[in-house]
C-alpha cells in the first residue's frame, strides 16, 4: 500500500493487527513527507543557483574571448528553459495537459528570445512557432488515442492551440512573418482538429466545452 499523496510506502504496525477492520482503521499510518519535500526544495534551489552561476561564467568567457559572436546567450537561453522546466515540474502539482500548455508557451518565448540573442533573422516566427503549433496538434492526437476513455478532456488544450495560432497569425497581417506558408498550414491544422473533435465527438464534446467555459 502506498500513500495517495506522496506515493510513499505506508508503514504497518503488525502488533495492532488483530482483525481486518482494526488493521484498516488503526494499523495504517501515512509516512512523513516533510524530509522528502525539503530535499526536493533544496535540489531546486541548487539547480537555480547552478544555472545562474554557469550562465555568468559562460557570459564572462564569451566577453573575454570574442564578444562579436554571442554564443553564450544561446547557452543561457537553453539553461533558463531547462531550469524553468525543472522547477515547474517539481513545484506544481498540475495535470499533464496544463504542463503541456505551459511548456509550449515557454518554448515559443525561448525560440523568439534565442532569435533576438543571435541577431534577429525571423526564423523563430517563420518556422519555429508554426512547427511548435503542429507539434502540439500531433501530441494532442497521440494523447487522445492513448487516453481514449477520456478524450474529451483535451478539448480545452485544442482550444488553447487555436488561440495561440490565431494570435501568431496576427504577424501575417503585420508582415512580421515573411514566409507565411507554414503558419497558414499550422492554423488550418489547429482549427481542423478542434472542429473535427466537436463534429465527431457530438454532444459529449460540446458538453465538455461548455463545462470548461462555464456556459
N, C-alpha and C. Protein backbone atom coordinates (compact mmCIF):
# COMPACT_ATOMS: atom_id res chain seq x y z
N UNK A 1 0.84 -1.20 0.00
CA UNK A 1 0.00 0.00 0.00
C UNK A 1 0.87 1.24 0.00
N UNK A 2 0.43 2.26 -0.74
CA UNK A 2 1.19 3.50 -0.83
C UNK A 2 0.29 4.67 -0.50
N UNK A 3 0.91 5.76 -0.10
CA UNK A 3 0.18 6.99 0.21
C UNK A 3 -0.33 7.60 -1.09
N UNK A 4 -1.61 7.98 -1.17
CA UNK A 4 -2.14 8.57 -2.40
C UNK A 4 -1.61 9.96 -2.69
N UNK A 5 -0.96 10.60 -1.69
CA UNK A 5 -0.46 11.97 -1.88
C UNK A 5 0.99 12.02 -2.32
N UNK A 6 1.84 11.18 -1.68
CA UNK A 6 3.27 11.25 -1.98
C UNK A 6 3.81 9.97 -2.60
N UNK A 7 2.96 8.95 -2.76
CA UNK A 7 3.36 7.65 -3.31
C UNK A 7 4.40 6.93 -2.44
N UNK A 8 4.53 7.35 -1.19
CA UNK A 8 5.44 6.67 -0.27
C UNK A 8 4.81 5.41 0.29
N UNK A 9 5.65 4.44 0.65
CA UNK A 9 5.15 3.18 1.18
C UNK A 9 4.57 3.41 2.57
N UNK A 10 3.38 2.89 2.81
CA UNK A 10 2.71 3.05 4.09
C UNK A 10 3.24 2.03 5.08
N UNK A 11 3.57 2.50 6.28
CA UNK A 11 4.08 1.61 7.32
C UNK A 11 2.93 0.94 8.06
N UNK A 12 3.13 -0.28 8.46
CA UNK A 12 2.09 -1.06 9.13
C UNK A 12 2.61 -1.56 10.46
N UNK A 13 1.83 -1.34 11.53
CA UNK A 13 2.16 -1.84 12.85
C UNK A 13 1.48 -3.19 13.03
N UNK A 14 2.24 -4.25 12.87
CA UNK A 14 1.66 -5.59 12.89
C UNK A 14 1.18 -6.00 14.27
N UNK A 15 1.67 -5.35 15.35
CA UNK A 15 1.23 -5.69 16.70
C UNK A 15 -0.23 -5.36 16.93
N UNK A 16 -0.71 -4.35 16.20
CA UNK A 16 -2.11 -3.95 16.35
C UNK A 16 -3.04 -4.68 15.40
N UNK A 17 -2.47 -5.53 14.55
CA UNK A 17 -3.27 -6.21 13.53
C UNK A 17 -3.93 -7.45 14.14
N UNK A 18 -5.13 -7.29 14.72
CA UNK A 18 -5.86 -8.39 15.30
C UNK A 18 -6.94 -8.89 14.36
N UNK A 19 -7.62 -7.99 13.73
CA UNK A 19 -8.58 -8.38 12.70
C UNK A 19 -8.50 -7.40 11.55
N UNK A 20 -9.17 -7.70 10.47
CA UNK A 20 -9.05 -6.88 9.27
C UNK A 20 -9.58 -5.47 9.48
N UNK A 21 -10.67 -5.31 10.25
CA UNK A 21 -11.25 -3.99 10.47
C UNK A 21 -10.31 -3.11 11.28
N UNK A 22 -9.73 -3.69 12.34
CA UNK A 22 -8.80 -2.93 13.16
C UNK A 22 -7.52 -2.62 12.39
N UNK A 23 -7.13 -3.53 11.51
CA UNK A 23 -5.94 -3.33 10.70
C UNK A 23 -6.11 -2.12 9.78
N UNK A 24 -7.28 -2.03 9.19
CA UNK A 24 -7.52 -0.94 8.25
C UNK A 24 -7.65 0.40 8.99
N UNK A 25 -8.30 0.39 10.16
CA UNK A 25 -8.59 1.64 10.85
C UNK A 25 -7.45 2.14 11.72
N UNK A 26 -6.61 1.24 12.29
CA UNK A 26 -5.63 1.67 13.27
C UNK A 26 -4.18 1.39 12.87
N UNK A 27 -3.97 0.41 12.00
CA UNK A 27 -2.61 -0.03 11.76
C UNK A 27 -1.92 0.71 10.63
N UNK A 28 -2.67 1.41 9.80
CA UNK A 28 -2.09 2.08 8.64
C UNK A 28 -1.74 3.52 9.02
N UNK A 29 -0.49 3.88 8.85
CA UNK A 29 -0.02 5.23 9.16
C UNK A 29 0.65 5.82 7.93
N UNK A 30 0.26 7.04 7.55
CA UNK A 30 0.86 7.69 6.40
C UNK A 30 2.28 8.14 6.72
N UNK A 31 3.20 8.00 5.79
CA UNK A 31 4.60 8.39 6.05
C UNK A 31 4.76 9.90 6.16
N UNK A 32 5.82 10.31 6.83
CA UNK A 32 6.14 11.73 6.97
C UNK A 32 6.82 12.21 5.69
N UNK A 33 6.15 13.11 4.96
CA UNK A 33 6.67 13.57 3.66
C UNK A 33 7.56 14.81 3.80
N UNK A 34 7.69 15.34 5.02
CA UNK A 34 8.46 16.57 5.21
C UNK A 34 9.91 16.45 4.74
N UNK A 35 10.64 15.37 5.11
CA UNK A 35 12.04 15.25 4.62
C UNK A 35 12.14 15.21 3.11
N UNK A 36 11.19 14.52 2.46
CA UNK A 36 11.22 14.43 1.00
C UNK A 36 10.95 15.79 0.37
N UNK A 37 9.99 16.55 0.92
CA UNK A 37 9.69 17.88 0.39
C UNK A 37 10.87 18.82 0.56
N UNK A 38 11.51 18.77 1.72
CA UNK A 38 12.68 19.61 1.96
C UNK A 38 13.82 19.25 1.02
N UNK A 39 13.99 17.97 0.76
CA UNK A 39 15.06 17.53 -0.15
C UNK A 39 14.82 18.06 -1.56
N UNK A 40 13.56 17.98 -2.02
CA UNK A 40 13.23 18.46 -3.36
C UNK A 40 13.43 19.97 -3.47
N UNK A 41 13.01 20.71 -2.43
CA UNK A 41 13.19 22.16 -2.44
C UNK A 41 14.67 22.53 -2.46
N UNK A 42 15.49 21.77 -1.71
CA UNK A 42 16.92 22.04 -1.71
C UNK A 42 17.52 21.78 -3.09
N UNK A 43 17.10 20.70 -3.73
CA UNK A 43 17.59 20.37 -5.07
C UNK A 43 17.21 21.47 -6.06
N UNK A 44 15.97 21.98 -5.96
CA UNK A 44 15.52 23.03 -6.86
C UNK A 44 16.34 24.31 -6.66
N UNK A 45 16.61 24.66 -5.40
CA UNK A 45 17.44 25.84 -5.13
C UNK A 45 18.85 25.64 -5.68
N UNK A 46 19.36 24.42 -5.57
CA UNK A 46 20.69 24.11 -6.09
C UNK A 46 20.71 24.22 -7.61
N UNK A 47 19.65 23.77 -8.25
CA UNK A 47 19.55 23.86 -9.71
C UNK A 47 19.53 25.31 -10.16
N UNK A 48 18.75 26.15 -9.48
CA UNK A 48 18.67 27.57 -9.84
C UNK A 48 20.02 28.25 -9.65
N UNK A 49 20.67 27.98 -8.51
CA UNK A 49 21.98 28.59 -8.26
C UNK A 49 23.01 28.15 -9.30
N UNK A 50 23.03 26.84 -9.60
CA UNK A 50 23.98 26.34 -10.60
C UNK A 50 23.72 26.94 -11.97
N UNK A 51 22.45 27.15 -12.31
CA UNK A 51 22.11 27.74 -13.61
C UNK A 51 22.60 29.18 -13.71
N UNK A 52 22.38 29.95 -12.63
CA UNK A 52 22.84 31.34 -12.62
C UNK A 52 24.37 31.40 -12.68
N UNK A 53 25.03 30.54 -11.93
CA UNK A 53 26.49 30.54 -11.90
C UNK A 53 27.08 30.15 -13.26
N UNK A 54 26.56 29.10 -13.86
CA UNK A 54 27.07 28.64 -15.16
C UNK A 54 26.81 29.70 -16.23
N UNK A 55 25.62 30.32 -16.20
CA UNK A 55 25.32 31.37 -17.18
C UNK A 55 26.29 32.53 -17.06
N UNK A 56 26.58 32.95 -15.81
CA UNK A 56 27.53 34.03 -15.60
C UNK A 56 28.93 33.70 -16.08
N UNK A 57 29.36 32.46 -15.84
CA UNK A 57 30.69 32.03 -16.30
C UNK A 57 30.76 32.02 -17.82
N UNK A 58 29.72 31.53 -18.47
CA UNK A 58 29.71 31.47 -19.93
C UNK A 58 29.74 32.87 -20.54
N UNK A 59 28.95 33.79 -19.97
CA UNK A 59 28.94 35.16 -20.48
C UNK A 59 30.32 35.81 -20.28
N UNK A 60 30.94 35.56 -19.15
CA UNK A 60 32.28 36.13 -18.89
C UNK A 60 33.31 35.58 -19.87
N UNK A 61 33.28 34.28 -20.11
CA UNK A 61 34.22 33.67 -21.07
C UNK A 61 33.99 34.24 -22.47
N UNK A 62 32.72 34.35 -22.84
CA UNK A 62 32.39 34.90 -24.15
C UNK A 62 32.87 36.34 -24.29
N UNK A 63 32.71 37.13 -23.24
CA UNK A 63 33.12 38.54 -23.26
C UNK A 63 34.63 38.68 -23.34
N UNK A 64 35.37 37.82 -22.65
CA UNK A 64 36.83 37.91 -22.63
C UNK A 64 37.47 37.35 -23.89
N UNK A 65 36.76 36.51 -24.62
CA UNK A 65 37.34 35.91 -25.83
C UNK A 65 36.91 36.65 -27.09
N UNK A 66 35.64 36.55 -27.43
CA UNK A 66 35.17 37.21 -28.65
C UNK A 66 33.69 37.54 -28.48
N UNK A 67 33.39 38.79 -28.14
CA UNK A 67 32.01 39.20 -27.88
C UNK A 67 31.23 39.44 -29.17
N UNK A 68 31.91 39.44 -30.30
CA UNK A 68 31.21 39.65 -31.57
C UNK A 68 30.25 38.50 -31.85
N UNK A 69 30.65 37.29 -31.53
CA UNK A 69 29.78 36.12 -31.66
C UNK A 69 29.25 35.78 -30.27
N UNK A 70 28.01 36.10 -30.01
CA UNK A 70 27.44 35.95 -28.67
C UNK A 70 26.88 34.53 -28.47
N UNK A 71 27.78 33.54 -28.50
CA UNK A 71 27.35 32.16 -28.33
C UNK A 71 26.87 31.88 -26.90
N UNK A 72 27.34 32.67 -25.94
CA UNK A 72 26.94 32.44 -24.55
C UNK A 72 25.45 32.70 -24.34
N UNK A 73 24.88 33.62 -25.12
CA UNK A 73 23.45 33.91 -24.99
C UNK A 73 22.60 32.72 -25.41
N UNK A 74 23.09 31.97 -26.42
CA UNK A 74 22.38 30.76 -26.84
C UNK A 74 22.35 29.74 -25.70
N UNK A 75 23.49 29.57 -25.05
CA UNK A 75 23.57 28.65 -23.91
C UNK A 75 22.68 29.11 -22.77
N UNK A 76 22.66 30.41 -22.53
CA UNK A 76 21.87 30.94 -21.41
C UNK A 76 20.38 30.72 -21.63
N UNK A 77 19.92 30.89 -22.86
CA UNK A 77 18.50 30.66 -23.15
C UNK A 77 18.14 29.20 -22.90
N UNK A 78 19.01 28.28 -23.35
CA UNK A 78 18.78 26.86 -23.09
C UNK A 78 18.79 26.52 -21.61
N UNK A 79 19.70 27.11 -20.87
CA UNK A 79 19.79 26.86 -19.43
C UNK A 79 18.55 27.40 -18.71
N UNK A 80 18.10 28.59 -19.09
CA UNK A 80 16.91 29.18 -18.48
C UNK A 80 15.69 28.30 -18.74
N UNK A 81 15.57 27.80 -19.97
CA UNK A 81 14.43 26.94 -20.31
C UNK A 81 14.45 25.64 -19.50
N UNK A 82 15.60 25.01 -19.41
CA UNK A 82 15.70 23.76 -18.65
C UNK A 82 15.47 23.99 -17.16
N UNK A 83 15.97 25.11 -16.64
CA UNK A 83 15.77 25.45 -15.24
C UNK A 83 14.29 25.70 -14.95
N UNK A 84 13.64 26.43 -15.83
CA UNK A 84 12.20 26.69 -15.67
C UNK A 84 11.41 25.39 -15.70
N UNK A 85 11.74 24.51 -16.64
CA UNK A 85 11.02 23.23 -16.76
C UNK A 85 11.18 22.38 -15.50
N UNK A 86 12.40 22.32 -14.99
CA UNK A 86 12.66 21.50 -13.80
C UNK A 86 11.90 22.04 -12.59
N UNK A 87 11.98 23.34 -12.37
CA UNK A 87 11.30 23.94 -11.22
C UNK A 87 9.78 23.81 -11.36
N UNK A 88 9.27 24.04 -12.56
CA UNK A 88 7.82 23.97 -12.77
C UNK A 88 7.29 22.56 -12.55
N UNK A 89 7.99 21.57 -13.06
CA UNK A 89 7.52 20.20 -12.93
C UNK A 89 7.52 19.73 -11.48
N UNK A 90 8.48 20.16 -10.69
CA UNK A 90 8.58 19.70 -9.31
C UNK A 90 7.75 20.54 -8.34
N UNK A 91 7.56 21.82 -8.64
CA UNK A 91 6.88 22.69 -7.71
C UNK A 91 5.37 22.75 -7.93
N UNK A 92 4.90 22.36 -9.09
CA UNK A 92 3.48 22.49 -9.40
C UNK A 92 2.87 21.10 -9.64
N UNK A 93 1.85 20.81 -8.86
CA UNK A 93 1.16 19.53 -8.99
C UNK A 93 0.00 19.69 -9.97
N UNK A 94 0.34 20.00 -11.21
CA UNK A 94 -0.67 20.24 -12.23
C UNK A 94 -0.80 19.02 -13.13
N UNK A 95 -1.87 18.99 -13.89
CA UNK A 95 -2.08 17.89 -14.82
C UNK A 95 -1.11 17.99 -15.99
N UNK A 96 -0.96 16.89 -16.71
CA UNK A 96 -0.03 16.90 -17.84
C UNK A 96 -0.52 17.82 -18.95
N UNK A 97 -1.85 18.05 -19.03
CA UNK A 97 -2.37 18.97 -20.04
C UNK A 97 -1.94 20.41 -19.73
N UNK A 98 -2.03 20.79 -18.45
CA UNK A 98 -1.59 22.13 -18.06
C UNK A 98 -0.09 22.30 -18.29
N UNK A 99 0.66 21.25 -18.01
CA UNK A 99 2.11 21.32 -18.21
C UNK A 99 2.46 21.44 -19.69
N UNK A 100 1.69 20.78 -20.53
CA UNK A 100 1.93 20.89 -21.97
C UNK A 100 1.71 22.32 -22.43
N UNK A 101 0.62 22.95 -21.96
CA UNK A 101 0.35 24.34 -22.34
C UNK A 101 1.45 25.28 -21.86
N UNK A 102 1.87 25.10 -20.62
CA UNK A 102 2.92 25.96 -20.07
C UNK A 102 4.24 25.76 -20.78
N UNK A 103 4.58 24.51 -21.07
CA UNK A 103 5.84 24.23 -21.76
C UNK A 103 5.84 24.79 -23.17
N UNK A 104 4.70 24.75 -23.84
CA UNK A 104 4.64 25.28 -25.20
C UNK A 104 4.84 26.79 -25.21
N UNK A 105 4.24 27.49 -24.22
CA UNK A 105 4.45 28.94 -24.12
C UNK A 105 5.92 29.25 -23.86
N UNK A 106 6.52 28.48 -22.95
CA UNK A 106 7.94 28.69 -22.64
C UNK A 106 8.81 28.40 -23.86
N UNK A 107 8.44 27.40 -24.63
CA UNK A 107 9.23 27.06 -25.82
C UNK A 107 9.14 28.15 -26.88
N UNK A 108 7.93 28.68 -27.08
CA UNK A 108 7.76 29.77 -28.05
C UNK A 108 8.55 31.00 -27.62
N UNK A 109 8.43 31.36 -26.34
CA UNK A 109 9.17 32.51 -25.83
C UNK A 109 10.68 32.29 -25.94
N UNK A 110 11.12 31.06 -25.67
CA UNK A 110 12.54 30.75 -25.75
C UNK A 110 13.10 30.85 -27.16
N UNK A 111 12.34 30.39 -28.14
CA UNK A 111 12.82 30.47 -29.52
C UNK A 111 12.90 31.91 -30.01
N UNK A 112 11.89 32.72 -29.63
CA UNK A 112 11.92 34.13 -30.03
C UNK A 112 13.08 34.85 -29.35
N UNK A 113 13.28 34.57 -28.07
CA UNK A 113 14.40 35.18 -27.34
C UNK A 113 15.74 34.75 -27.94
N UNK A 114 15.84 33.49 -28.33
CA UNK A 114 17.07 32.98 -28.93
C UNK A 114 17.32 33.65 -30.28
N UNK A 115 16.26 33.88 -31.04
CA UNK A 115 16.40 34.54 -32.33
C UNK A 115 16.96 35.95 -32.16
N UNK A 116 16.45 36.66 -31.16
CA UNK A 116 16.96 38.02 -30.90
C UNK A 116 18.37 37.99 -30.33
N UNK A 117 18.69 36.93 -29.57
CA UNK A 117 20.01 36.86 -28.94
C UNK A 117 21.13 36.71 -29.97
N UNK A 118 20.87 36.02 -31.06
CA UNK A 118 21.91 35.78 -32.05
C UNK A 118 21.80 36.73 -33.25
N UNK A 119 20.94 37.74 -33.10
CA UNK A 119 20.76 38.68 -34.22
C UNK A 119 19.52 38.30 -34.99
N UNK A 120 18.42 39.01 -34.76
CA UNK A 120 17.11 38.62 -35.28
C UNK A 120 17.13 38.44 -36.80
N UNK A 121 16.69 37.23 -37.23
CA UNK A 121 16.59 36.95 -38.66
C UNK A 121 15.20 36.46 -39.04
N UNK A 122 14.33 36.24 -38.04
CA UNK A 122 12.95 35.88 -38.33
C UNK A 122 12.65 34.39 -38.37
N UNK A 123 13.66 33.55 -38.13
CA UNK A 123 13.40 32.11 -38.22
C UNK A 123 12.45 31.63 -37.11
N UNK A 124 12.42 32.35 -35.99
CA UNK A 124 11.56 31.93 -34.88
C UNK A 124 10.08 32.08 -35.24
N UNK A 125 9.71 33.18 -35.89
CA UNK A 125 8.31 33.40 -36.24
C UNK A 125 7.94 32.71 -37.55
N UNK A 126 8.89 32.55 -38.43
CA UNK A 126 8.60 31.93 -39.72
C UNK A 126 8.53 30.41 -39.65
N UNK A 127 9.35 29.82 -38.80
CA UNK A 127 9.45 28.36 -38.78
C UNK A 127 9.22 27.74 -37.39
N UNK A 128 9.83 28.31 -36.36
CA UNK A 128 9.77 27.68 -35.03
C UNK A 128 8.36 27.68 -34.45
N UNK A 129 7.68 28.82 -34.48
CA UNK A 129 6.33 28.89 -33.91
C UNK A 129 5.34 28.01 -34.66
N UNK A 130 5.29 28.03 -36.00
CA UNK A 130 4.38 27.11 -36.70
C UNK A 130 4.69 25.64 -36.43
N UNK A 131 5.97 25.29 -36.36
CA UNK A 131 6.33 23.90 -36.06
C UNK A 131 5.93 23.52 -34.64
N UNK A 132 6.03 24.47 -33.71
CA UNK A 132 5.59 24.23 -32.35
C UNK A 132 4.09 23.95 -32.30
N UNK A 133 3.32 24.72 -33.04
CA UNK A 133 1.87 24.53 -33.09
C UNK A 133 1.51 23.17 -33.67
N UNK A 134 2.18 22.80 -34.78
CA UNK A 134 1.89 21.50 -35.39
C UNK A 134 2.34 20.34 -34.51
N UNK A 135 3.42 20.54 -33.77
CA UNK A 135 3.87 19.52 -32.83
C UNK A 135 2.86 19.35 -31.70
N UNK A 136 2.27 20.46 -31.24
CA UNK A 136 1.23 20.38 -30.23
C UNK A 136 0.01 19.62 -30.74
N UNK A 137 -0.39 19.89 -31.96
CA UNK A 137 -1.53 19.19 -32.56
C UNK A 137 -1.26 17.70 -32.63
N UNK A 138 -0.07 17.32 -33.09
CA UNK A 138 0.29 15.90 -33.17
C UNK A 138 0.30 15.26 -31.78
N UNK A 139 0.81 16.00 -30.79
CA UNK A 139 0.83 15.48 -29.43
C UNK A 139 -0.56 15.27 -28.86
N UNK A 140 -1.46 16.23 -29.13
CA UNK A 140 -2.84 16.10 -28.65
C UNK A 140 -3.52 14.87 -29.25
N UNK A 141 -3.33 14.67 -30.54
CA UNK A 141 -3.93 13.50 -31.20
C UNK A 141 -3.39 12.21 -30.58
N UNK A 142 -2.09 12.16 -30.33
CA UNK A 142 -1.49 10.97 -29.72
C UNK A 142 -2.05 10.73 -28.32
N UNK A 143 -2.15 11.79 -27.51
CA UNK A 143 -2.68 11.65 -26.16
C UNK A 143 -4.15 11.23 -26.17
N UNK A 144 -4.91 11.72 -27.13
CA UNK A 144 -6.33 11.35 -27.21
C UNK A 144 -6.50 9.87 -27.52
N UNK A 145 -5.62 9.33 -28.34
CA UNK A 145 -5.70 7.89 -28.64
C UNK A 145 -5.20 7.06 -27.46
N UNK A 146 -4.19 7.58 -26.75
CA UNK A 146 -3.68 6.84 -25.59
C UNK A 146 -4.72 6.84 -24.46
N UNK A 147 -5.33 8.00 -24.22
CA UNK A 147 -6.35 8.13 -23.17
C UNK A 147 -7.72 8.20 -23.83
N UNK A 148 -8.06 7.16 -24.57
CA UNK A 148 -9.26 7.16 -25.40
C UNK A 148 -10.53 7.27 -24.56
N UNK A 149 -10.51 6.79 -23.32
CA UNK A 149 -11.70 6.85 -22.47
C UNK A 149 -11.97 8.27 -21.98
N UNK A 150 -10.96 9.11 -22.02
CA UNK A 150 -11.11 10.48 -21.50
C UNK A 150 -10.69 11.49 -22.56
N UNK A 151 -10.98 11.19 -23.82
CA UNK A 151 -10.52 12.01 -24.92
C UNK A 151 -11.08 13.43 -24.88
N UNK A 152 -12.30 13.59 -24.34
CA UNK A 152 -12.93 14.91 -24.34
C UNK A 152 -12.21 15.91 -23.45
N UNK A 153 -11.37 15.43 -22.53
CA UNK A 153 -10.65 16.35 -21.64
C UNK A 153 -9.58 17.16 -22.37
N UNK A 154 -9.27 16.79 -23.61
CA UNK A 154 -8.24 17.50 -24.38
C UNK A 154 -8.83 18.62 -25.24
N UNK A 155 -10.15 18.84 -25.15
CA UNK A 155 -10.77 19.90 -25.94
C UNK A 155 -10.26 21.28 -25.52
N UNK A 156 -10.06 21.47 -24.22
CA UNK A 156 -9.53 22.75 -23.75
C UNK A 156 -8.14 23.00 -24.31
N UNK A 157 -7.33 21.96 -24.39
CA UNK A 157 -5.99 22.08 -24.96
C UNK A 157 -6.06 22.40 -26.45
N UNK A 158 -7.02 21.82 -27.14
CA UNK A 158 -7.22 22.12 -28.56
C UNK A 158 -7.62 23.59 -28.74
N UNK A 159 -8.50 24.07 -27.87
CA UNK A 159 -8.91 25.48 -27.92
C UNK A 159 -7.72 26.40 -27.68
N UNK A 160 -6.88 26.00 -26.75
CA UNK A 160 -5.67 26.78 -26.46
C UNK A 160 -4.77 26.87 -27.70
N UNK A 161 -4.62 25.77 -28.43
CA UNK A 161 -3.78 25.78 -29.63
C UNK A 161 -4.37 26.70 -30.69
N UNK A 162 -5.69 26.69 -30.82
CA UNK A 162 -6.34 27.57 -31.79
C UNK A 162 -6.11 29.03 -31.43
N UNK A 163 -6.19 29.35 -30.13
CA UNK A 163 -5.96 30.73 -29.68
C UNK A 163 -4.52 31.14 -29.96
N UNK A 164 -3.57 30.26 -29.65
CA UNK A 164 -2.15 30.56 -29.90
C UNK A 164 -1.89 30.78 -31.38
N UNK A 165 -2.46 29.90 -32.21
CA UNK A 165 -2.25 30.04 -33.66
C UNK A 165 -2.91 31.31 -34.19
N UNK A 166 -4.06 31.68 -33.59
CA UNK A 166 -4.73 32.92 -34.00
C UNK A 166 -3.92 34.14 -33.65
N UNK A 167 -3.36 34.16 -32.44
CA UNK A 167 -2.51 35.28 -32.04
C UNK A 167 -1.25 35.36 -32.90
N UNK A 168 -0.69 34.19 -33.21
CA UNK A 168 0.51 34.18 -34.05
C UNK A 168 0.19 34.64 -35.48
N UNK A 169 -1.05 34.39 -35.92
CA UNK A 169 -1.42 34.77 -37.28
C UNK A 169 -1.52 36.28 -37.46
N UNK A 170 -1.60 37.01 -36.35
CA UNK A 170 -1.62 38.48 -36.44
C UNK A 170 -0.35 38.97 -37.13
N UNK A 171 0.73 38.23 -36.92
CA UNK A 171 2.01 38.61 -37.54
C UNK A 171 1.97 38.49 -39.06
N UNK A 172 0.99 37.73 -39.58
CA UNK A 172 0.84 37.66 -41.03
C UNK A 172 0.39 39.01 -41.59
N UNK A 173 -0.50 39.68 -40.87
CA UNK A 173 -1.04 40.96 -41.34
C UNK A 173 -0.07 42.10 -41.09
N UNK A 174 0.79 41.94 -40.09
CA UNK A 174 1.79 42.98 -39.81
C UNK A 174 3.07 42.78 -40.61
N UNK A 175 3.08 41.75 -41.46
CA UNK A 175 4.24 41.44 -42.30
C UNK A 175 5.47 41.03 -41.49
N UNK A 176 5.26 40.67 -40.22
CA UNK A 176 6.38 40.16 -39.42
C UNK A 176 6.82 38.81 -39.93
N UNK A 177 5.84 37.99 -40.34
CA UNK A 177 6.13 36.68 -40.94
C UNK A 177 6.35 36.88 -42.44
N UNK A 178 7.52 36.56 -42.89
CA UNK A 178 7.86 36.75 -44.30
C UNK A 178 7.68 35.48 -45.13
N UNK A 179 7.56 34.34 -44.46
CA UNK A 179 7.30 33.07 -45.13
C UNK A 179 6.03 32.47 -44.52
N UNK A 180 4.86 32.84 -45.04
CA UNK A 180 3.59 32.54 -44.38
C UNK A 180 3.08 31.11 -44.55
N UNK A 181 3.66 30.31 -45.41
CA UNK A 181 3.10 29.00 -45.73
C UNK A 181 2.96 28.10 -44.50
N UNK A 182 4.02 27.97 -43.72
CA UNK A 182 3.98 27.11 -42.54
C UNK A 182 2.94 27.59 -41.52
N UNK A 183 2.83 28.90 -41.33
CA UNK A 183 1.85 29.42 -40.38
C UNK A 183 0.43 29.16 -40.84
N UNK A 184 0.19 29.29 -42.14
CA UNK A 184 -1.14 29.01 -42.68
C UNK A 184 -1.49 27.53 -42.47
N UNK A 185 -0.53 26.66 -42.73
CA UNK A 185 -0.77 25.22 -42.51
C UNK A 185 -1.04 24.94 -41.03
N UNK A 186 -0.25 25.57 -40.15
CA UNK A 186 -0.43 25.36 -38.71
C UNK A 186 -1.81 25.83 -38.26
N UNK A 187 -2.25 26.98 -38.76
CA UNK A 187 -3.59 27.49 -38.42
C UNK A 187 -4.67 26.53 -38.88
N UNK A 188 -4.54 26.07 -40.10
CA UNK A 188 -5.53 25.15 -40.65
C UNK A 188 -5.60 23.84 -39.88
N UNK A 189 -4.46 23.30 -39.51
CA UNK A 189 -4.42 22.04 -38.76
C UNK A 189 -5.04 22.21 -37.38
N UNK A 190 -4.73 23.33 -36.71
CA UNK A 190 -5.28 23.57 -35.37
C UNK A 190 -6.80 23.71 -35.40
N UNK A 191 -7.30 24.49 -36.34
CA UNK A 191 -8.76 24.67 -36.45
C UNK A 191 -9.43 23.37 -36.86
N UNK A 192 -8.83 22.64 -37.79
CA UNK A 192 -9.40 21.38 -38.26
C UNK A 192 -9.51 20.37 -37.12
N UNK A 193 -8.52 20.33 -36.24
CA UNK A 193 -8.55 19.39 -35.12
C UNK A 193 -9.71 19.72 -34.17
N UNK A 194 -9.88 21.00 -33.84
CA UNK A 194 -10.95 21.38 -32.93
C UNK A 194 -12.32 21.14 -33.54
N UNK A 195 -12.51 21.56 -34.79
CA UNK A 195 -13.80 21.37 -35.46
C UNK A 195 -14.09 19.89 -35.63
N UNK A 196 -13.07 19.10 -36.01
CA UNK A 196 -13.28 17.67 -36.17
C UNK A 196 -13.66 16.99 -34.87
N UNK A 197 -13.04 17.42 -33.77
CA UNK A 197 -13.37 16.84 -32.47
C UNK A 197 -14.81 17.16 -32.08
N UNK A 198 -15.24 18.41 -32.32
CA UNK A 198 -16.61 18.80 -31.98
C UNK A 198 -17.64 18.08 -32.85
N UNK A 199 -17.31 17.89 -34.13
CA UNK A 199 -18.25 17.23 -35.04
C UNK A 199 -18.34 15.73 -34.74
N UNK A 200 -17.19 15.09 -34.64
CA UNK A 200 -17.17 13.65 -34.40
C UNK A 200 -17.59 13.32 -32.97
N UNK A 201 -17.16 14.15 -32.02
CA UNK A 201 -17.49 13.89 -30.62
C UNK A 201 -18.93 14.12 -30.27
N UNK A 202 -19.61 14.97 -31.03
CA UNK A 202 -21.03 15.19 -30.81
C UNK A 202 -21.33 15.86 -29.48
N UNK A 203 -22.39 15.39 -28.82
CA UNK A 203 -22.84 16.01 -27.58
C UNK A 203 -21.80 15.92 -26.48
N UNK A 204 -21.06 14.83 -26.43
CA UNK A 204 -20.04 14.66 -25.40
C UNK A 204 -18.98 15.74 -25.50
N UNK A 205 -18.61 16.09 -26.73
CA UNK A 205 -17.59 17.12 -26.94
C UNK A 205 -18.13 18.51 -26.61
N UNK A 206 -19.34 18.82 -27.07
CA UNK A 206 -19.92 20.14 -26.80
C UNK A 206 -20.21 20.33 -25.31
N UNK A 207 -20.63 19.27 -24.64
CA UNK A 207 -20.87 19.35 -23.19
C UNK A 207 -19.58 19.65 -22.44
N UNK A 208 -18.49 19.01 -22.83
CA UNK A 208 -17.20 19.25 -22.20
C UNK A 208 -16.73 20.67 -22.44
N UNK A 209 -16.96 21.18 -23.65
CA UNK A 209 -16.55 22.55 -23.97
C UNK A 209 -17.34 23.56 -23.16
N UNK A 210 -18.64 23.32 -23.01
CA UNK A 210 -19.47 24.22 -22.20
C UNK A 210 -19.07 24.16 -20.73
N UNK A 211 -18.73 22.98 -20.26
CA UNK A 211 -18.34 22.82 -18.86
C UNK A 211 -17.03 23.54 -18.58
N UNK A 212 -16.11 23.46 -19.53
CA UNK A 212 -14.81 24.11 -19.35
C UNK A 212 -14.93 25.63 -19.29
N UNK A 213 -15.85 26.18 -20.10
CA UNK A 213 -16.01 27.63 -20.15
C UNK A 213 -17.20 28.10 -19.31
N UNK A 214 -17.76 27.20 -18.50
CA UNK A 214 -18.85 27.53 -17.56
C UNK A 214 -20.03 28.19 -18.27
N UNK A 215 -20.38 27.64 -19.42
CA UNK A 215 -21.51 28.17 -20.19
C UNK A 215 -22.81 27.55 -19.68
